[in-house]
């Protein structure tokens, strides 16, 4: 809190303290003109010529976490790409849609290192494509219950939501990896090639299913 106070005023100090508590990213700087004396009546000149508010370094986290919600509750603008994510233990498959949200295509497979680096890459990919939301595959059990993987996915979503304003929609990804692997086997892809692209293709599978569901809901 940088100040040049030669005439301390309790009211100004209290105001500065309140502002600092409301937003620690704001530095309150009070500049004093000692030649101007405080006036006894409201509206008269006082010794405090101006109060300046200087932004400090931008916080790493978003002030308001992005909403995390089921896909059916997602509210979107008329146009804008979506980013589909298939969250694995070692990698994250990434896919994107066209701005009209008709077709999902693969983007890349992010090799996981730590959350900060992973999130930074995902947010960069979303920004490059001017995405309006994320679609994150939720790995439910076959009976619809949530196990450890689903809980881990929700935890990842909560952490990512603190870093972005883009909504994060959860979409049932049951059997997505199995379905993709069958398609790759049918296409005669080698085991090594399947391993390299399966998460990216799973993200495409997840996102395409979400796009079809959104389009069906819009038409009904």
Protein backbone atom coordinates (compact mmCIF):
# COMPACT_ATOMS: atom_id res chain seq x y z
CA UNK A 1 0.00 0.00 0.00
CA UNK A 2 1.97 3.05 -1.19
CA UNK A 3 1.00 6.39 0.45
CA UNK A 4 2.44 9.88 0.87
CA UNK A 5 0.44 10.96 3.95
CA UNK A 6 1.58 14.14 5.66
CA UNK A 7 -1.85 14.88 7.15
CA UNK A 8 -3.35 11.54 8.32
CA UNK A 9 -7.10 11.45 8.12
CA UNK A 10 -8.87 8.54 9.87
CA UNK A 11 -11.75 8.57 7.37
CA UNK A 12 -9.42 8.25 4.39
CA UNK A 13 -7.46 5.50 6.13
CA UNK A 14 -10.63 3.57 6.90
CA UNK A 15 -11.77 3.89 3.25
CA UNK A 16 -8.40 2.64 2.02
CA UNK A 17 -8.52 -0.33 4.39
CA UNK A 18 -12.02 -1.27 3.22
CA UNK A 19 -11.00 -1.11 -0.44
CA UNK A 20 -7.93 -3.23 0.25
CA UNK A 21 -10.06 -5.87 1.96
CA UNK A 22 -12.58 -5.95 -0.89
CA UNK A 23 -9.95 -6.26 -3.62
CA UNK A 24 -6.30 -6.92 -2.69
CA UNK A 25 -5.37 -6.31 -6.33
CA UNK A 26 -5.98 -2.55 -5.83
CA UNK A 27 -3.35 -0.29 -4.30
CA UNK A 28 -4.80 2.87 -2.73
CA UNK A 29 -2.51 5.87 -3.06
CA UNK A 30 -3.53 9.14 -1.38
CA UNK A 31 -1.77 12.28 -2.57
CA UNK A 32 -1.78 15.21 -0.17
CA UNK A 33 -1.67 18.91 -0.98
CA UNK A 34 -0.56 20.49 2.31
CA UNK A 35 -1.39 24.00 1.04
CA UNK A 36 -5.12 23.23 1.01
CA UNK A 37 -6.69 23.09 4.45
CA UNK A 38 -9.60 20.83 5.29
CA UNK A 39 -12.92 22.68 5.11
CA UNK A 40 -15.47 22.41 7.89
CA UNK A 41 -18.40 21.88 5.54
CA UNK A 42 -19.12 19.08 3.06
CA UNK A 43 -18.08 19.95 -0.45
CA UNK A 44 -15.35 22.39 0.60
CA UNK A 45 -11.70 21.87 -0.33
CA UNK A 46 -9.81 19.48 1.83
CA UNK A 47 -6.16 18.57 2.25
CA UNK A 48 -6.51 15.41 0.16
CA UNK A 49 -6.23 16.50 -3.46
CA UNK A 50 -7.02 13.14 -5.02
CA UNK A 51 -7.19 9.46 -4.31
CA UNK A 52 -5.61 7.24 -6.92
CA UNK A 53 -6.31 3.55 -7.42
CA UNK A 54 -3.46 1.66 -8.98
CA UNK A 55 -3.86 -1.98 -10.12
CA UNK A 56 -1.24 -4.37 -8.82
CA UNK A 57 -0.25 -7.55 -10.61
CA UNK A 58 -3.32 -9.36 -11.95
CA UNK A 59 -4.36 -12.27 -9.73
CA UNK A 60 -3.72 -15.76 -11.03
CA UNK A 61 -7.25 -16.90 -10.30
CA UNK A 62 -10.53 -15.65 -11.68
CA UNK A 63 -12.53 -13.58 -9.16
CA UNK A 64 -15.64 -15.68 -9.86
CA UNK A 65 -15.20 -19.36 -10.72
CA UNK A 66 -16.78 -20.43 -13.99
CA UNK A 67 -19.99 -22.45 -13.70
CA UNK A 68 -19.73 -26.25 -13.80
CA UNK A 69 -22.98 -27.78 -14.95
CA UNK A 70 -24.55 -30.65 -16.88
CA UNK A 71 -24.51 -30.26 -20.64
CA UNK A 72 -28.32 -29.93 -20.80
CA UNK A 73 -28.13 -26.82 -18.59
CA UNK A 74 -25.47 -25.10 -20.71
CA UNK A 75 -26.52 -21.73 -22.13
CA UNK A 76 -24.49 -20.69 -25.16
CA UNK A 77 -24.35 -17.79 -27.63
CA UNK A 78 -25.59 -18.48 -31.15
CA UNK A 79 -22.09 -19.16 -32.45
CA UNK A 80 -18.75 -20.08 -30.93
CA UNK A 81 -16.50 -23.12 -30.76
CA UNK A 82 -16.51 -25.65 -27.94
CA UNK A 83 -13.44 -27.41 -26.56
CA UNK A 84 -13.88 -31.10 -25.73
CA UNK A 85 -11.65 -32.73 -23.12
CA UNK A 86 -10.96 -36.37 -22.35
CA UNK A 87 -9.16 -36.39 -19.02
CA UNK A 88 -6.73 -39.27 -18.58
CA UNK A 89 -4.20 -40.07 -15.89
CA UNK A 90 -1.18 -39.25 -18.06
CA UNK A 91 -2.71 -37.29 -20.94
CA UNK A 92 -5.62 -35.01 -21.83
CA UNK A 93 -7.24 -35.47 -25.22
CA UNK A 94 -8.37 -32.18 -26.75
CA UNK A 95 -10.90 -31.65 -29.54
CA UNK A 96 -12.69 -28.60 -30.88
CA UNK A 97 -15.79 -27.80 -32.88
CA UNK A 98 -16.41 -25.35 -35.68
CA UNK A 99 -18.07 -22.05 -34.63
CA UNK A 100 -21.47 -23.38 -35.76
CA UNK A 101 -20.96 -26.41 -33.50
CA UNK A 102 -21.66 -29.10 -36.07
CA UNK A 103 -18.46 -31.15 -36.28
CA UNK A 104 -15.80 -32.13 -33.75
CA UNK A 105 -12.17 -32.43 -34.83
CA UNK A 106 -9.06 -33.44 -32.94
CA UNK A 107 -6.59 -30.83 -31.75
CA UNK A 108 -3.84 -32.51 -29.76
CA UNK A 109 -3.01 -34.77 -26.86
CA UNK A 110 -1.62 -32.85 -23.89
CA UNK A 111 0.92 -34.82 -21.88
CA UNK A 112 0.16 -34.09 -18.24
CA UNK A 113 2.94 -32.67 -16.07
CA UNK A 114 1.33 -30.56 -13.35
CA UNK A 115 -2.02 -28.83 -13.08
CA UNK A 116 -0.75 -25.31 -13.72
CA UNK A 117 1.03 -26.27 -16.94
CA UNK A 118 -1.87 -28.46 -18.09
CA UNK A 119 -4.44 -25.72 -17.44
CA UNK A 120 -2.29 -23.09 -19.14
CA UNK A 121 -2.14 -25.19 -22.30
CA UNK A 122 -5.88 -25.86 -22.31
CA UNK A 123 -6.71 -22.18 -21.82
CA UNK A 124 -4.31 -21.24 -24.62
CA UNK A 125 -5.98 -23.69 -27.01
CA UNK A 126 -9.40 -22.33 -26.04
CA UNK A 127 -8.30 -18.72 -26.53
CA UNK A 128 -6.76 -19.46 -29.94
CA UNK A 129 -10.10 -20.84 -31.11
CA UNK A 130 -12.21 -18.19 -29.37
CA UNK A 131 -14.06 -20.98 -27.58
CA UNK A 132 -17.18 -20.19 -25.59
CA UNK A 133 -17.20 -23.26 -23.31
CA UNK A 134 -15.48 -26.50 -22.35
CA UNK A 135 -17.10 -29.93 -22.57
CA UNK A 136 -15.44 -32.28 -20.12
CA UNK A 137 -16.08 -36.01 -20.31
CA UNK A 138 -17.39 -37.41 -17.01
CA UNK A 139 -16.43 -41.10 -16.62
CA UNK A 140 -19.48 -42.57 -14.91
CA UNK A 141 -19.77 -46.21 -13.97
CA UNK A 142 -21.99 -48.39 -16.13
CA UNK A 143 -24.80 -48.14 -13.56
CA UNK A 144 -24.63 -44.34 -13.66
CA UNK A 145 -22.87 -43.92 -10.32
CA UNK A 146 -19.69 -41.93 -9.83
CA UNK A 147 -16.45 -43.58 -8.79
CA UNK A 148 -12.95 -42.26 -8.17
CA UNK A 149 -12.33 -41.25 -11.78
CA UNK A 150 -15.50 -39.20 -11.88
CA UNK A 151 -14.61 -37.55 -8.58
CA UNK A 152 -11.13 -36.78 -9.90
CA UNK A 153 -12.68 -35.25 -13.02
CA UNK A 154 -14.96 -33.05 -10.95
CA UNK A 155 -11.97 -31.92 -8.89
CA UNK A 156 -10.10 -31.02 -12.08
CA UNK A 157 -13.14 -29.07 -13.30
CA UNK A 158 -13.34 -27.10 -10.03
CA UNK A 159 -9.68 -26.16 -10.26
CA UNK A 160 -9.95 -25.18 -13.92
CA UNK A 161 -13.09 -23.12 -13.21
CA UNK A 162 -11.04 -20.87 -10.92
CA UNK A 163 -8.83 -19.88 -13.84
CA UNK A 164 -11.40 -19.13 -16.54
CA UNK A 165 -14.76 -17.53 -17.13
CA UNK A 166 -15.76 -20.13 -19.72
CA UNK A 167 -18.47 -22.50 -18.46
CA UNK A 168 -17.52 -26.16 -18.08
CA UNK A 169 -20.18 -28.64 -19.15
CA UNK A 170 -19.98 -32.25 -17.95
CA UNK A 171 -20.97 -34.93 -20.45
CA UNK A 172 -21.30 -38.67 -19.87
CA UNK A 173 -18.32 -40.34 -21.54
CA UNK A 174 -19.14 -43.98 -20.79
CA UNK A 175 -17.70 -46.30 -23.42
CA UNK A 176 -16.12 -43.44 -25.37
CA UNK A 177 -12.60 -44.90 -25.17
CA UNK A 178 -13.87 -48.40 -25.93
CA UNK A 179 -15.82 -47.15 -28.96
CA UNK A 180 -12.85 -45.20 -30.27
CA UNK A 181 -10.48 -48.13 -29.85
CA UNK A 182 -12.85 -50.36 -31.81
CA UNK A 183 -12.94 -47.80 -34.62
CA UNK A 184 -9.15 -47.56 -34.68
CA UNK A 185 -8.81 -51.35 -34.74
CA UNK A 186 -11.33 -51.50 -37.58
CA UNK A 187 -9.21 -48.92 -39.42
CA UNK A 188 -6.22 -51.28 -38.96
CA UNK A 189 -4.31 -48.79 -36.80
CA UNK A 190 -1.29 -50.27 -35.06
CA UNK A 191 -1.18 -50.56 -31.26
CA UNK A 192 1.43 -47.78 -31.01
CA UNK A 193 -0.64 -45.45 -33.20
CA UNK A 194 -3.79 -46.21 -31.22
CA UNK A 195 -1.99 -45.35 -28.01
CA UNK A 196 -0.76 -42.05 -29.45
CA UNK A 197 -4.14 -40.80 -30.66
CA UNK A 198 -6.78 -42.60 -28.58
CA UNK A 199 -7.27 -39.78 -26.04
CA UNK A 200 -7.57 -37.17 -28.78
CA UNK A 201 -10.09 -39.34 -30.62
CA UNK A 202 -11.96 -39.96 -27.38
CA UNK A 203 -12.23 -36.18 -26.93
CA UNK A 204 -13.66 -35.98 -30.47
CA UNK A 205 -16.14 -38.74 -29.63
CA UNK A 206 -17.21 -36.96 -26.43
CA UNK A 207 -17.53 -33.58 -28.10
CA UNK A 208 -19.43 -34.91 -31.11
CA UNK A 209 -21.93 -36.61 -28.82
CA UNK A 210 -22.36 -33.33 -26.95
CA UNK A 211 -22.84 -31.39 -30.20
CA UNK A 212 -25.48 -33.84 -31.39
CA UNK A 213 -27.28 -33.58 -28.05
CA UNK A 214 -27.25 -29.78 -28.12
CA UNK A 215 -28.49 -29.69 -31.71
CA UNK A 216 -31.26 -32.15 -30.90
CA UNK A 217 -32.33 -30.09 -27.89
CA UNK A 218 -32.40 -26.92 -30.01
CA UNK A 219 -34.63 -28.56 -32.64
CA UNK A 220 -37.09 -30.06 -30.18
